[in-house]
Amino acid sequence: MSALIVPAVELKTSRTIVLAFIKLVVIVLNVL
């Protein structure tokens, strides 16, 4: 069970990081 949960959590975490990075890029572009 945990073998299935861990990759899902890692995938969700990496997706959250990517989305946060994209938001940061958009904010920087808007400021410039």
N, C-alpha and C. Protein backbone atom coordinates (compact mmCIF):
# COMPACT_ATOMS: atom_id res chain seq x y z
N MET A 1 0.83 -1.20 0.00
CA MET A 1 0.00 0.00 0.00
C MET A 1 0.87 1.26 0.00
N SER A 2 1.83 1.31 0.93
CA SER A 2 2.71 2.47 1.02
C SER A 2 3.57 2.61 -0.24
N ALA A 3 3.83 1.49 -0.91
CA ALA A 3 4.61 1.52 -2.14
C ALA A 3 3.88 2.29 -3.24
N LEU A 4 2.55 2.33 -3.17
CA LEU A 4 1.77 3.08 -4.15
C LEU A 4 1.59 4.54 -3.71
N ILE A 5 1.52 4.76 -2.40
CA ILE A 5 1.27 6.10 -1.87
C ILE A 5 2.49 7.01 -2.06
N VAL A 6 3.68 6.48 -1.78
CA VAL A 6 4.89 7.31 -1.84
C VAL A 6 5.12 7.95 -3.22
N PRO A 7 5.09 7.20 -4.32
CA PRO A 7 5.26 7.85 -5.63
C PRO A 7 4.17 8.89 -5.93
N ALA A 8 2.96 8.63 -5.49
CA ALA A 8 1.87 9.58 -5.72
C ALA A 8 2.12 10.89 -4.98
N VAL A 9 2.62 10.78 -3.74
CA VAL A 9 2.93 11.98 -2.95
C VAL A 9 4.08 12.75 -3.59
N GLU A 10 5.11 12.03 -4.05
CA GLU A 10 6.25 12.68 -4.70
C GLU A 10 5.82 13.37 -5.99
N LEU A 11 4.93 12.74 -6.74
CA LEU A 11 4.43 13.32 -7.98
C LEU A 11 3.64 14.59 -7.69
N LYS A 12 2.80 14.54 -6.66
CA LYS A 12 2.01 15.70 -6.28
C LYS A 12 2.90 16.84 -5.81
N THR A 13 3.95 16.49 -5.05
CA THR A 13 4.87 17.50 -4.54
C THR A 13 5.62 18.18 -5.68
N SER A 14 6.12 17.39 -6.62
CA SER A 14 6.86 17.95 -7.75
C SER A 14 5.95 18.81 -8.61
N ARG A 15 4.70 18.43 -8.74
CA ARG A 15 3.73 19.21 -9.51
C ARG A 15 3.47 20.55 -8.83
N THR A 16 3.38 20.52 -7.50
CA THR A 16 3.16 21.75 -6.75
C THR A 16 4.34 22.69 -6.92
N ILE A 17 5.56 22.12 -6.90
CA ILE A 17 6.77 22.94 -7.09
C ILE A 17 6.79 23.56 -8.48
N VAL A 18 6.43 22.77 -9.49
CA VAL A 18 6.40 23.27 -10.87
C VAL A 18 5.37 24.38 -11.01
N LEU A 19 4.18 24.20 -10.44
CA LEU A 19 3.14 25.23 -10.52
C LEU A 19 3.58 26.50 -9.81
N ALA A 20 4.22 26.36 -8.65
CA ALA A 20 4.71 27.52 -7.91
C ALA A 20 5.78 28.25 -8.73
N PHE A 21 6.65 27.50 -9.39
CA PHE A 21 7.69 28.08 -10.23
C PHE A 21 7.09 28.85 -11.41
N ILE A 22 6.06 28.28 -12.03
CA ILE A 22 5.38 28.94 -13.15
C ILE A 22 4.73 30.23 -12.68
N LYS A 23 4.08 30.19 -11.51
CA LYS A 23 3.46 31.41 -10.96
C LYS A 23 4.52 32.48 -10.72
N LEU A 24 5.67 32.06 -10.19
CA LEU A 24 6.77 33.00 -9.93
C LEU A 24 7.25 33.64 -11.23
N VAL A 25 7.40 32.84 -12.28
CA VAL A 25 7.83 33.35 -13.58
C VAL A 25 6.81 34.35 -14.12
N VAL A 26 5.53 34.03 -14.02
CA VAL A 26 4.47 34.92 -14.49
C VAL A 26 4.50 36.25 -13.74
N ILE A 27 4.69 36.20 -12.42
CA ILE A 27 4.77 37.41 -11.61
C ILE A 27 5.96 38.27 -12.03
N VAL A 28 7.11 37.62 -12.22
CA VAL A 28 8.32 38.35 -12.64
C VAL A 28 8.11 39.01 -14.01
N LEU A 29 7.49 38.29 -14.93
CA LEU A 29 7.24 38.85 -16.26
C LEU A 29 6.27 40.03 -16.19
N ASN A 30 5.29 39.95 -15.29
CA ASN A 30 4.34 41.04 -15.13
C ASN A 30 5.01 42.28 -14.54
N VAL A 31 5.94 42.05 -13.61
CA VAL A 31 6.67 43.17 -13.00
C VAL A 31 7.55 43.86 -14.05
N LEU A 32 8.20 43.05 -14.89
CA LEU A 32 9.04 43.62 -15.95
C LEU A 32 8.15 44.19 -17.05
